[in-house]
C-alpha atoms as a PDB file:
ATOM      1  CA  MET A   1    -162.572 -21.069 152.433  1.00  0.00           C
ATOM      2  CA  LYS A   2    -158.940 -21.823 153.857  1.00  0.00           C
ATOM      3  CA  TRP A   3    -156.772 -24.665 152.546  1.00  0.00           C
ATOM      4  CA  SER A   4    -153.325 -25.092 154.448  1.00  0.00           C
ATOM      5  CA  PRO A   5    -150.973 -25.970 153.085  1.00  0.00           C
ATOM      6  CA  LEU A   6    -152.001 -26.235 149.536  1.00  0.00           C
ATOM      7  CA  ALA A   7    -148.713 -28.088 148.934  1.00  0.00           C
ATOM      8  CA  LEU A   8    -149.507 -31.034 150.922  1.00  0.00           C
ATOM      9  CA  VAL A   9    -152.756 -31.347 148.882  1.00  0.00           C
ATOM     10  CA  PHE A  10    -150.666 -31.682 145.411  1.00  0.00           C
ATOM     11  CA  SER A  11    -148.396 -33.959 147.203  1.00  0.00           C
ATOM     12  CA  LEU A  12    -150.839 -36.459 147.688  1.00  0.00           C
ATOM     13  CA  ALA A  13    -152.093 -35.791 143.953  1.00  0.00           C
ATOM     14  CA  ALA A  14    -155.725 -35.221 145.121  1.00  0.00           C
ATOM     15  CA  PRO A  15    -158.161 -32.726 143.885  1.00  0.00           C
ATOM     16  CA  ILE A  16    -159.585 -29.874 146.213  1.00  0.00           C
ATOM     17  CA  SER A  17    -163.028 -31.601 146.854  1.00  0.00           C
ATOM     18  CA  THR A  18    -165.913 -29.397 146.362  1.00  0.00           C
ATOM     19  CA  PHE A  19    -168.239 -31.164 148.808  1.00  0.00           C
ATOM     20  CA  ALA A  20    -167.742 -33.133 151.934  1.00  0.00           C
ATOM     21  CA  GLN A  21    -168.446 -36.686 150.605  1.00  0.00           C
ATOM     22  CA  GLY A  22    -165.878 -38.893 152.223  1.00  0.00           C
ATOM     23  CA  GLY A  23    -162.665 -37.528 150.678  1.00  0.00           C
ATOM     24  CA  TYR A  24    -163.118 -39.588 147.402  1.00  0.00           C
ATOM     25  CA  ALA A  25    -163.136 -38.391 143.799  1.00  0.00           C
ATOM     26  CA  GLY A  26    -166.268 -37.282 141.852  1.00  0.00           C
ATOM     27  CA  ALA A  27    -167.898 -35.935 145.441  1.00  0.00           C
ATOM     28  CA  PHE A  28    -170.021 -33.421 143.034  1.00  0.00           C
ATOM     29  CA  LEU A  29    -171.707 -36.324 141.510  1.00  0.00           C
ATOM     30  CA  ARG A  30    -172.730 -37.517 144.897  1.00  0.00           C
ATOM     31  CA  ASN A  31    -174.388 -34.076 146.038  1.00  0.00           C
ATOM     32  CA  GLY A  32    -177.873 -34.682 144.617  1.00  0.00           C
ATOM     33  CA  LEU A  33    -179.094 -33.044 141.447  1.00  0.00           C
ATOM     34  CA  ALA A  34    -182.173 -30.975 140.590  1.00  0.00           C
ATOM     35  CA  ALA A  35    -185.123 -29.972 142.714  1.00  0.00           C
ATOM     36  CA  ARG A  36    -187.564 -32.556 142.025  1.00  0.00           C
ATOM     37  CA  SER A  37    -185.436 -35.454 142.962  1.00  0.00           C
ATOM     38  CA  GLU A  38    -183.874 -33.774 146.076  1.00  0.00           C
ATOM     39  CA  ALA A  39    -187.248 -33.036 147.325  1.00  0.00           C
ATOM     40  CA  MET A  40    -188.032 -36.698 147.225  1.00  0.00           C
ATOM     41  CA  GLY A  41    -185.022 -37.601 149.291  1.00  0.00           C
ATOM     42  CA  ARG A  42    -183.321 -38.996 146.096  1.00  0.00           C
ATOM     43  CA  ALA A  43    -185.525 -41.991 145.981  1.00  0.00           C
ATOM     44  CA  TYR A  44    -185.454 -41.699 142.049  1.00  0.00           C
ATOM     45  CA  VAL A  45    -183.900 -44.887 140.565  1.00  0.00           C
ATOM     46  CA  ALA A  46    -187.583 -46.051 139.667  1.00  0.00           C
ATOM     47  CA  MET A  47    -188.940 -42.822 138.614  1.00  0.00           C
ATOM     48  CA  ALA A  48    -189.376 -41.530 135.162  1.00  0.00           C
ATOM     49  CA  GLU A  49    -190.374 -37.671 135.844  1.00  0.00           C
ATOM     50  CA  GLY A  50    -188.049 -34.986 134.605  1.00  0.00           C
ATOM     51  CA  ASN A  51    -184.718 -35.120 132.908  1.00  0.00           C
ATOM     52  CA  GLU A  52    -183.094 -35.697 136.321  1.00  0.00           C
ATOM     53  CA  ALA A  53    -184.484 -39.194 136.358  1.00  0.00           C
ATOM     54  CA  ALA A  54    -181.469 -40.099 133.829  1.00  0.00           C
ATOM     55  CA  PHE A  55    -178.998 -39.262 136.108  1.00  0.00           C
ATOM     56  CA  TYR A  56    -180.291 -42.003 138.541  1.00  0.00           C
ATOM     57  CA  ASN A  57    -181.346 -44.316 136.084  1.00  0.00           C
ATOM     58  CA  PRO A  58    -180.447 -44.175 132.407  1.00  0.00           C
ATOM     59  CA  ALA A  59    -183.191 -46.460 131.490  1.00  0.00           C
ATOM     60  CA  SER A  60    -185.735 -44.056 132.578  1.00  0.00           C
ATOM     61  CA  VAL A  61    -185.228 -42.172 129.623  1.00  0.00           C
ATOM     62  CA  ALA A  62    -187.322 -44.682 127.403  1.00  0.00           C
ATOM     63  CA  PHE A  63    -190.463 -43.858 129.623  1.00  0.00           C
ATOM     64  CA  PHE A  64    -190.109 -40.132 129.118  1.00  0.00           C
ATOM     65  CA  PRO A  65    -193.430 -38.884 128.014  1.00  0.00           C
ATOM     66  CA  HIS A  66    -192.655 -35.686 126.272  1.00  0.00           C
ATOM     67  CA  ARG A  67    -189.757 -33.240 125.382  1.00  0.00           C
ATOM     68  CA  GLU A  68    -188.302 -31.150 128.162  1.00  0.00           C
ATOM     69  CA  LEU A  69    -185.785 -28.672 128.784  1.00  0.00           C
ATOM     70  CA  THR A  70    -184.520 -28.407 132.582  1.00  0.00           C
ATOM     71  CA  THR A  71    -182.470 -26.135 134.532  1.00  0.00           C
ATOM     72  CA  SER A  72    -181.518 -26.035 138.361  1.00  0.00           C
ATOM     73  CA  VAL A  73    -179.464 -24.202 140.584  1.00  0.00           C
ATOM     74  CA  ARG A  74    -178.475 -24.879 144.053  1.00  0.00           C
ATOM     75  CA  VAL A  75    -177.959 -22.287 146.929  1.00  0.00           C
ATOM     76  CA  MET A  76    -175.149 -23.217 149.017  1.00  0.00           C
ATOM     77  CA  THR A  77    -172.642 -21.835 151.820  1.00  0.00           C
ATOM     78  CA  LEU A  78    -168.928 -21.606 151.770  1.00  0.00           C
ATOM     79  CA  ASP A  79    -168.636 -20.009 148.272  1.00  0.00           C
ATOM     80  CA  ARG A  80    -169.748 -22.923 146.570  1.00  0.00           C
ATOM     81  CA  THR A  81    -171.882 -23.097 143.144  1.00  0.00           C
ATOM     82  CA  PHE A  82    -173.677 -26.108 141.874  1.00  0.00           C
ATOM     83  CA  ALA A  83    -176.085 -26.105 138.568  1.00  0.00           C
ATOM     84  CA  TYR A  84    -177.536 -28.548 136.328  1.00  0.00           C
ATOM     85  CA  ALA A  85    -178.972 -28.157 132.900  1.00  0.00           C
ATOM     86  CA  SER A  86    -180.508 -30.895 130.594  1.00  0.00           C
ATOM     87  CA  PHE A  87    -182.667 -31.810 127.540  1.00  0.00           C
ATOM     88  CA  GLY A  88    -184.570 -34.947 127.101  1.00  0.00           C
ATOM     89  CA  LEU A  89    -186.777 -36.285 124.450  1.00  0.00           C
ATOM     90  CA  PRO A  90    -188.615 -39.670 123.700  1.00  0.00           C
ATOM     91  CA  ILE A  91    -188.259 -41.694 120.622  1.00  0.00           C
ATOM     92  CA  ARG A  92    -191.377 -42.881 119.154  1.00  0.00           C
ATOM     93  CA  PRO A  93    -191.087 -44.510 116.025  1.00  0.00           C
ATOM     94  CA  ALA A  94    -194.140 -44.847 113.672  1.00  0.00           C
ATOM     95  CA  PRO A  95    -195.078 -48.374 112.898  1.00  0.00           C
ATOM     96  CA  ASP A  96    -195.421 -49.548 109.226  1.00  0.00           C
ATOM     97  CA  SER A  97    -197.226 -52.217 107.676  1.00  0.00           C
ATOM     98  CA  SER A  98    -194.412 -54.786 108.224  1.00  0.00           C
ATOM     99  CA  LYS A  99    -194.176 -54.321 111.989  1.00  0.00           C
ATOM    100  CA  SER A 100    -196.894 -54.931 114.615  1.00  0.00           C
ATOM    101  CA  ARG A 101    -194.514 -53.555 117.146  1.00  0.00           C
ATOM    102  CA  VAL A 102    -191.754 -50.934 117.380  1.00  0.00           C
ATOM    103  CA  THR A 103    -189.009 -50.218 119.763  1.00  0.00           C
ATOM    104  CA  ASN A 104    -189.497 -47.170 121.760  1.00  0.00           C
ATOM    105  CA  GLY A 105    -186.794 -45.240 123.108  1.00  0.00           C
ATOM    106  CA  GLY A 106    -185.053 -41.767 124.534  1.00  0.00           C
ATOM    107  CA  LEU A 107    -182.261 -39.517 124.648  1.00  0.00           C
ATOM    108  CA  SER A 108    -180.983 -37.130 127.261  1.00  0.00           C
ATOM    109  CA  LEU A 109    -178.223 -34.794 127.312  1.00  0.00           C
ATOM    110  CA  SER A 110    -177.024 -32.868 130.474  1.00  0.00           C
ATOM    111  CA  TRP A 111    -174.515 -30.747 131.993  1.00  0.00           C
ATOM    112  CA  ILE A 112    -173.615 -30.882 135.818  1.00  0.00           C
ATOM    113  CA  HIS A 113    -171.345 -28.040 137.129  1.00  0.00           C
ATOM    114  CA  ALA A 114    -169.688 -27.570 140.590  1.00  0.00           C
ATOM    115  CA  ARG A 115    -167.652 -24.790 141.611  1.00  0.00           C
ATOM    116  CA  VAL A 116    -165.879 -23.470 144.624  1.00  0.00           C
ATOM    117  CA  ASP A 117    -164.103 -20.098 144.897  1.00  0.00           C
ATOM    118  CA  ASP A 118    -162.076 -18.180 147.345  1.00  0.00           C
ATOM    119  CA  ILE A 119    -159.788 -20.588 148.353  1.00  0.00           C
ATOM    120  CA  SER A 120    -156.769 -19.185 150.438  1.00  0.00           C
ATOM    121  CA  ALA A 121    -153.475 -20.933 149.222  1.00  0.00           C
ATOM    122  CA  ARG A 122    -150.794 -20.712 151.598  1.00  0.00           C
ATOM    123  CA  ASP A 123    -147.150 -22.104 151.745  1.00  0.00           C
ATOM    124  CA  PHE A 124    -145.571 -24.309 154.333  1.00  0.00           C
ATOM    125  CA  ASP A 125    -145.194 -21.175 156.763  1.00  0.00           C
ATOM    126  CA  GLY A 126    -148.874 -20.248 156.524  1.00  0.00           C
ATOM    127  CA  GLU A 127    -148.383 -17.229 154.333  1.00  0.00           C
ATOM    128  CA  GLU A 128    -150.997 -16.556 151.735  1.00  0.00           C
ATOM    129  CA  TYR A 129    -150.016 -16.191 148.418  1.00  0.00           C
ATOM    130  CA  ALA A 130    -152.732 -16.685 146.127  1.00  0.00           C
ATOM    131  CA  ILE A 131    -156.720 -16.921 145.845  1.00  0.00           C
ATOM    132  CA  LEU A 132    -157.721 -20.022 143.859  1.00  0.00           C
ATOM    133  CA  SER A 133    -160.907 -21.728 142.518  1.00  0.00           C
ATOM    134  CA  ASN A 134    -161.734 -25.032 141.573  1.00  0.00           C
ATOM    135  CA  SER A 135    -164.423 -26.336 139.275  1.00  0.00           C
ATOM    136  CA  GLU A 136    -165.895 -29.764 138.284  1.00  0.00           C
ATOM    137  CA  ASN A 137    -168.148 -30.502 135.272  1.00  0.00           C
ATOM    138  CA  ALA A 138    -169.665 -33.599 134.056  1.00  0.00           C
ATOM    139  CA  PHE A 139    -171.459 -33.947 130.428  1.00  0.00           C
ATOM    140  CA  ASN A 140    -173.816 -37.112 130.440  1.00  0.00           C
ATOM    141  CA  LEU A 141    -175.333 -38.499 127.074  1.00  0.00           C
ATOM    142  CA  SER A 142    -178.049 -41.128 128.239  1.00  0.00           C
ATOM    143  CA  PHE A 143    -179.831 -43.552 125.543  1.00  0.00           C
ATOM    144  CA  ALA A 144    -182.562 -46.132 126.425  1.00  0.00           C
ATOM    145  CA  LEU A 145    -184.307 -48.630 124.505  1.00  0.00           C
ATOM    146  CA  GLN A 146    -187.617 -50.131 125.455  1.00  0.00           C
ATOM    147  CA  PRO A 147    -188.029 -53.485 124.038  1.00  0.00           C
ATOM    148  CA  ASN A 148    -191.520 -53.857 125.226  1.00  0.00           C
ATOM    149  CA  LYS A 149    -194.091 -51.579 127.450  1.00  0.00           C
ATOM    150  CA  ARG A 150    -192.894 -53.181 130.612  1.00  0.00           C
ATOM    151  CA  PHE A 151    -189.233 -53.215 130.422  1.00  0.00           C
ATOM    152  CA  ALA A 152    -186.244 -50.722 129.390  1.00  0.00           C
ATOM    153  CA  ILE A 153    -182.528 -50.665 129.379  1.00  0.00           C
ATOM    154  CA  GLY A 154    -180.177 -47.603 129.256  1.00  0.00           C
ATOM    155  CA  LEU A 155    -176.637 -46.389 129.106  1.00  0.00           C
ATOM    156  CA  THR A 156    -174.883 -43.192 129.986  1.00  0.00           C
ATOM    157  CA  GLY A 157    -171.752 -41.997 128.907  1.00  0.00           C
ATOM    158  CA  LYS A 158    -170.250 -39.286 130.968  1.00  0.00           C
ATOM    159  CA  VAL A 159    -167.315 -37.198 130.503  1.00  0.00           C
ATOM    160  CA  VAL A 160    -166.209 -35.446 133.825  1.00  0.00           C
ATOM    161  CA  LEU A 161    -163.480 -32.649 134.041  1.00  0.00           C
ATOM    162  CA  ASN A 162    -161.726 -31.031 136.790  1.00  0.00           C
ATOM    163  CA  ARG A 163    -159.905 -27.795 136.780  1.00  0.00           C
ATOM    164  CA  LEU A 164    -157.251 -26.087 139.304  1.00  0.00           C
ATOM    165  CA  PRO A 165    -156.407 -22.809 137.836  1.00  0.00           C
ATOM    166  CA  GLY A 166    -153.206 -20.734 138.838  1.00  0.00           C
ATOM    167  CA  VAL A 167    -151.479 -23.593 140.508  1.00  0.00           C
ATOM    168  CA  THR A 168    -148.380 -24.557 138.160  1.00  0.00           C
ATOM    169  CA  ARG A 169    -144.926 -22.919 138.145  1.00  0.00           C
ATOM    170  CA  GLU A 170    -146.118 -20.948 135.134  1.00  0.00           C
ATOM    171  CA  ASN A 171    -149.389 -19.983 137.050  1.00  0.00           C
ATOM    172  CA  GLY A 172    -151.248 -22.089 134.625  1.00  0.00           C
ATOM    173  CA  THR A 173    -154.174 -24.870 135.070  1.00  0.00           C
ATOM    174  CA  LEU A 174    -153.735 -28.040 136.227  1.00  0.00           C
ATOM    175  CA  SER A 175    -156.565 -30.321 134.946  1.00  0.00           C
ATOM    176  CA  THR A 176    -157.651 -33.937 134.345  1.00  0.00           C
ATOM    177  CA  SER A 177    -160.387 -35.609 132.570  1.00  0.00           C
ATOM    178  CA  SER A 178    -161.940 -39.106 132.321  1.00  0.00           C
ATOM    179  CA  PHE A 179    -164.796 -40.990 130.326  1.00  0.00           C
ATOM    180  CA  GLY A 180    -167.080 -43.634 132.041  1.00  0.00           C
ATOM    181  CA  PHE A 181    -170.622 -45.156 132.107  1.00  0.00           C
ATOM    182  CA  ASP A 182    -173.766 -45.617 134.229  1.00  0.00           C
ATOM    183  CA  PHE A 183    -176.146 -48.830 133.349  1.00  0.00           C
ATOM    184  CA  GLY A 184    -179.758 -49.163 134.113  1.00  0.00           C
ATOM    185  CA  ALA A 185    -182.722 -51.331 133.794  1.00  0.00           C
ATOM    186  CA  MET A 186    -186.219 -50.519 134.552  1.00  0.00           C
ATOM    187  CA  LEU A 187    -189.189 -52.904 135.004  1.00  0.00           C
ATOM    188  CA  GLN A 188    -192.996 -52.430 135.375  1.00  0.00           C
ATOM    189  CA  PRO A 189    -194.375 -55.828 136.410  1.00  0.00           C
ATOM    190  CA  VAL A 190    -197.871 -54.842 136.870  1.00  0.00           C
ATOM    191  CA  GLU A 191    -199.718 -51.400 136.113  1.00  0.00           C
ATOM    192  CA  GLY A 192    -198.909 -48.689 138.619  1.00  0.00           C
ATOM    193  CA  VAL A 193    -195.654 -50.399 139.978  1.00  0.00           C
ATOM    194  CA  ARG A 194    -192.139 -49.857 138.462  1.00  0.00           C
ATOM    195  CA  LEU A 195    -188.681 -51.157 139.504  1.00  0.00           C
ATOM    196  CA  GLY A 196    -185.555 -49.605 138.612  1.00  0.00           C
ATOM    197  CA  PHE A 197    -181.915 -51.003 139.011  1.00  0.00           C
ATOM    198  CA  ALA A 198    -178.665 -48.887 138.221  1.00  0.00           C
ATOM    199  CA  ALA A 199    -174.883 -49.229 138.077  1.00  0.00           C
ATOM    200  CA  THR A 200    -172.996 -45.995 138.448  1.00  0.00           C
ATOM    201  CA  ASN A 201    -169.544 -44.478 137.569  1.00  0.00           C
ATOM    202  CA  VAL A 202    -167.951 -47.320 135.902  1.00  0.00           C
ATOM    203  CA  ASN A 203    -164.433 -46.691 134.780  1.00  0.00           C
ATOM    204  CA  VAL A 204    -164.507 -42.986 136.073  1.00  0.00           C
ATOM    205  CA  LYS A 205    -161.205 -41.780 137.438  1.00  0.00           C
ATOM    206  CA  TYR A 206    -159.063 -38.803 137.781  1.00  0.00           C
ATOM    207  CA  THR A 207    -155.477 -39.117 136.858  1.00  0.00           C
ATOM    208  CA  TRP A 208    -153.309 -36.286 138.357  1.00  0.00           C
ATOM    209  CA  LYS A 209    -149.935 -35.466 136.834  1.00  0.00           C
ATOM    210  CA  THR A 210    -148.012 -32.769 138.780  1.00  0.00           C
ATOM    211  CA  GLU A 211    -144.986 -32.381 136.690  1.00  0.00           C
ATOM    212  CA  GLU A 212    -145.746 -28.842 136.164  1.00  0.00           C
ATOM    213  CA  VAL A 213    -146.282 -28.114 139.745  1.00  0.00           C
ATOM    214  CA  TYR A 214    -143.253 -29.571 141.117  1.00  0.00           C
ATOM    215  CA  GLU A 215    -139.889 -30.377 139.622  1.00  0.00           C
ATOM    216  CA  ARG A 216    -140.419 -34.050 140.563  1.00  0.00           C
ATOM    217  CA  GLY A 217    -144.065 -34.467 139.743  1.00  0.00           C
ATOM    218  CA  THR A 218    -146.074 -37.511 140.412  1.00  0.00           C
ATOM    219  CA  GLN A 219    -148.604 -39.385 138.929  1.00  0.00           C
ATOM    220  CA  ASN A 220    -151.720 -40.325 141.007  1.00  0.00           C
ATOM    221  CA  ILE A 221    -155.128 -42.078 139.975  1.00  0.00           C
ATOM    222  CA  ASP A 222    -157.961 -41.395 142.107  1.00  0.00           C
ATOM    223  CA  LYS A 223    -161.077 -43.742 140.927  1.00  0.00           C
ATOM    224  CA  PHE A 224    -164.553 -42.623 141.476  1.00  0.00           C
ATOM    225  CA  PRO A 225    -166.571 -44.822 143.918  1.00  0.00           C
ATOM    226  CA  ARG A 226    -168.790 -47.170 142.069  1.00  0.00           C
ATOM    227  CA  GLY A 227    -172.324 -47.560 143.075  1.00  0.00           C
ATOM    228  CA  LEU A 228    -175.512 -49.698 142.987  1.00  0.00           C
ATOM    229  CA  ARG A 229    -178.988 -48.827 143.452  1.00  0.00           C
ATOM    230  CA  ALA A 230    -182.322 -50.516 143.468  1.00  0.00           C
ATOM    231  CA  GLY A 231    -185.711 -49.033 143.784  1.00  0.00           C
ATOM    232  CA  ILE A 232    -189.430 -49.112 143.670  1.00  0.00           C
ATOM    233  CA  ALA A 233    -192.081 -46.417 142.676  1.00  0.00           C
ATOM    234  CA  VAL A 234    -195.871 -47.097 143.391  1.00  0.00           C
ATOM    235  CA  THR A 235    -198.601 -45.215 141.595  1.00  0.00           C
ATOM    236  CA  ARG A 236    -201.468 -47.603 141.971  1.00  0.00           C
ATOM    237  CA  LEU A 237    -202.652 -46.810 145.470  1.00  0.00           C
ATOM    238  CA  LYS A 238    -204.257 -43.449 144.657  1.00  0.00           C
ATOM    239  CA  PRO A 239    -203.962 -41.943 141.064  1.00  0.00           C
ATOM    240  CA  TRP A 240    -202.557 -38.611 142.708  1.00  0.00           C
ATOM    241  CA  LEU A 241    -199.898 -40.238 144.835  1.00  0.00           C
ATOM    242  CA  THR A 242    -196.603 -41.737 144.034  1.00  0.00           C
ATOM    243  CA  LEU A 243    -194.479 -43.388 146.822  1.00  0.00           C
ATOM    244  CA  ALA A 244    -190.770 -44.280 146.108  1.00  0.00           C
ATOM    245  CA  ALA A 245    -188.119 -46.308 148.003  1.00  0.00           C
ATOM    246  CA  ASP A 246    -184.546 -46.757 147.047  1.00  0.00           C
ATOM    247  CA  VAL A 247    -181.560 -48.708 148.693  1.00  0.00           C
ATOM    248  CA  GLU A 248    -178.107 -47.344 147.520  1.00  0.00           C
ATOM    249  CA  LYS A 249    -174.638 -48.971 148.059  1.00  0.00           C
ATOM    250  CA  ARG A 250    -171.494 -47.315 147.413  1.00  0.00           C
ATOM    251  CA  GLN A 251    -167.688 -48.373 147.508  1.00  0.00           C
ATOM    252  CA  PHE A 252    -166.287 -47.233 150.889  1.00  0.00           C
ATOM    253  CA  ARG A 253    -169.679 -46.361 152.436  1.00  0.00           C
ATOM    254  CA  ASP A 254    -172.508 -48.237 153.980  1.00  0.00           C
ATOM    255  CA  GLY A 255    -175.699 -48.533 152.276  1.00  0.00           C
ATOM    256  CA  THR A 256    -178.262 -45.858 152.332  1.00  0.00           C
ATOM    257  CA  LEU A 257    -182.043 -45.632 152.281  1.00  0.00           C
ATOM    258  CA  HIS A 258    -183.922 -42.980 150.450  1.00  0.00           C
ATOM    259  CA  LEU A 259    -187.560 -42.397 150.662  1.00  0.00           C
ATOM    260  CA  GLY A 260    -189.949 -40.168 148.847  1.00  0.00           C
ATOM    261  CA  ALA A 261    -193.502 -39.345 148.084  1.00  0.00           C
ATOM    262  CA  ILE A 262    -195.445 -37.115 145.610  1.00  0.00           C
ATOM    263  CA  ALA A 263    -199.139 -35.517 145.935  1.00  0.00           C
ATOM    264  CA  ASN A 264    -200.151 -33.981 142.623  1.00  0.00           C
ATOM    265  CA  VAL A 265    -202.531 -31.104 143.248  1.00  0.00           C
ATOM    266  CA  LYS A 266    -205.108 -31.317 140.378  1.00  0.00           C
ATOM    267  CA  THR A 267    -203.594 -29.168 137.490  1.00  0.00           C
ATOM    268  CA  LEU A 268    -201.800 -26.706 139.750  1.00  0.00           C
ATOM    269  CA  GLY A 269    -198.458 -28.748 140.600  1.00  0.00           C
ATOM    270  CA  ASP A 270    -197.263 -31.017 143.448  1.00  0.00           C
ATOM    271  CA  LEU A 271    -195.892 -31.581 146.812  1.00  0.00           C
ATOM    272  CA  ARG A 272    -193.036 -33.611 147.646  1.00  0.00           C
ATOM    273  CA  VAL A 273    -191.488 -34.944 150.890  1.00  0.00           C
ATOM    274  CA  GLY A 274    -188.567 -37.445 151.301  1.00  0.00           C
ATOM    275  CA  LEU A 275    -185.811 -38.759 153.656  1.00  0.00           C
ATOM    276  CA  ASN A 276    -182.435 -38.944 152.198  1.00  0.00           C
ATOM    277  CA  ASP A 277    -180.432 -41.450 154.470  1.00  0.00           C
ATOM    278  CA  GLY A 278    -182.553 -40.037 157.333  1.00  0.00           C
ATOM    279  CA  GLN A 279    -182.276 -36.614 156.528  1.00  0.00           C
ATOM    280  CA  PRO A 280    -185.609 -34.731 155.706  1.00  0.00           C
ATOM    281  CA  ALA A 281    -186.286 -32.873 152.548  1.00  0.00           C
ATOM    282  CA  PHE A 282    -189.277 -31.512 150.931  1.00  0.00           C
ATOM    283  CA  GLY A 283    -190.563 -29.260 148.171  1.00  0.00           C
ATOM    284  CA  ALA A 284    -193.153 -28.216 145.703  1.00  0.00           C
ATOM    285  CA  GLY A 285    -194.007 -27.619 141.953  1.00  0.00           C
ATOM    286  CA  TYR A 286    -196.142 -25.031 140.010  1.00  0.00           C
ATOM    287  CA  ARG A 287    -197.521 -25.627 136.586  1.00  0.00           C
ATOM    288  CA  PHE A 288    -198.477 -22.736 134.429  1.00  0.00           C
ATOM    289  CA  GLY A 289    -198.717 -22.053 130.609  1.00  0.00           C
ATOM    290  CA  LEU A 290    -196.057 -20.324 128.654  1.00  0.00           C
ATOM    291  CA  PHE A 291    -195.838 -20.021 124.882  1.00  0.00           C
ATOM    292  CA  GLY A 292    -198.702 -22.227 124.537  1.00  0.00           C
ATOM    293  CA  LYS A 293    -196.716 -24.907 126.305  1.00  0.00           C
ATOM    294  CA  THR A 294    -196.445 -26.130 129.869  1.00  0.00           C
ATOM    295  CA  SER A 295    -193.916 -24.798 132.314  1.00  0.00           C
ATOM    296  CA  GLU A 296    -193.011 -25.713 135.861  1.00  0.00           C
ATOM    297  CA  LEU A 297    -191.305 -24.060 138.621  1.00  0.00           C
ATOM    298  CA  HIS A 298    -189.748 -26.373 141.488  1.00  0.00           C
ATOM    299  CA  TYR A 299    -188.302 -25.704 144.717  1.00  0.00           C
ATOM    300  CA  ALA A 300    -186.546 -28.055 147.577  1.00  0.00           C
ATOM    301  CA  PHE A 301    -185.359 -27.787 150.946  1.00  0.00           C
ATOM    302  CA  VAL A 302    -182.557 -30.056 151.929  1.00  0.00           C
ATOM    303  CA  SER A 303    -181.138 -30.656 155.219  1.00  0.00           C
ATOM    304  CA  ARG A 304    -177.401 -31.905 155.904  1.00  0.00           C
ATOM    305  CA  THR A 305    -175.562 -34.127 158.140  1.00  0.00           C
ATOM    306  CA  ASP A 306    -172.274 -32.071 157.818  1.00  0.00           C
ATOM    307  CA  ASN A 307    -173.094 -29.283 160.129  1.00  0.00           C
ATOM    308  CA  LEU A 308    -173.381 -26.918 157.117  1.00  0.00           C
ATOM    309  CA  ASP A 309    -176.539 -24.873 156.677  1.00  0.00           C
ATOM    310  CA  SER A 310    -179.315 -26.309 154.654  1.00  0.00           C
ATOM    311  CA  ASP A 311    -179.541 -26.041 150.672  1.00  0.00           C
ATOM    312  CA  HIS A 312    -182.316 -24.604 148.739  1.00  0.00           C
ATOM    313  CA  VAL A 313    -182.782 -25.919 145.324  1.00  0.00           C
ATOM    314  CA  PHE A 314    -184.758 -24.075 142.620  1.00  0.00           C
ATOM    315  CA  GLY A 315    -185.472 -25.490 139.170  1.00  0.00           C
ATOM    316  CA  TRP A 316    -187.456 -24.967 135.914  1.00  0.00           C
ATOM    317  CA  ALA A 317    -188.878 -27.033 133.540  1.00  0.00           C
ATOM    318  CA  PHE A 318    -190.233 -26.480 129.930  1.00  0.00           C
ATOM    319  CA  VAL A 319    -192.327 -29.076 128.591  1.00  0.00           C
ATOM    320  CA  PHE A 320    -193.065 -29.155 124.691  1.00  0.00           C
END
């Protein structure tokens, strides 16, 4: 990938964006996540399937039926890497004689990693003087409570890190970090219908200080666009079929529509299709036994609107 001139990028105190998402900070968090949600067009705010559901709505963690370890990797062009790993578990306190009802909950811990390599750094004369890389990471801890069987609320605390090695005058790393929140709620008004609501990227921002890059360095704050999402998931039409729809609105961008469907194929796995803001996606999952537990392999094909090749997302989940 070619970036020219690099000095102009730093004069604006803006990070190198790993993905084309409108030029705002935190683009890697707007690039989707794991195979299951991607195959459904990201219509996932009312879903409680898989650890990736916590990314779209932290309240979903309270509905997790079992413990799960999940990993996912995305095959991308232009020397880019995107990976995800998470662990989630339900919290089901045992009732005692003094209580007729207990409050269920759940926890999810996840790591999101994005990286771009082979960035050609050039001076104002167009001469290449270094090959750079850029990485961004997000560490998320989600917690949810279920006051009753039909309603849950959740909170995600997130730490995001951005690193640009080899760009300071001492050939060191320019980095920044931030802490923020996501909030979510989930409601099941009737059996087989679930509603989800989420607010994301509250108080998340990058603060760039370039004193070590220039003699007269500057400080610039790049805020992550906040987002609102609402959706519905319906399973009451057929026991083997789930239909989902989300509406999302982010700062500085028009609203987007996400549609998805899952068809369970007996005990073998599932088939998934979706529309991510009009762009088709599809995928499949396969279940099998491993060490006496359930293991799942997932795949998603994701088309893109930015004239890049389509993405292939692979995932593995171990249920125990």
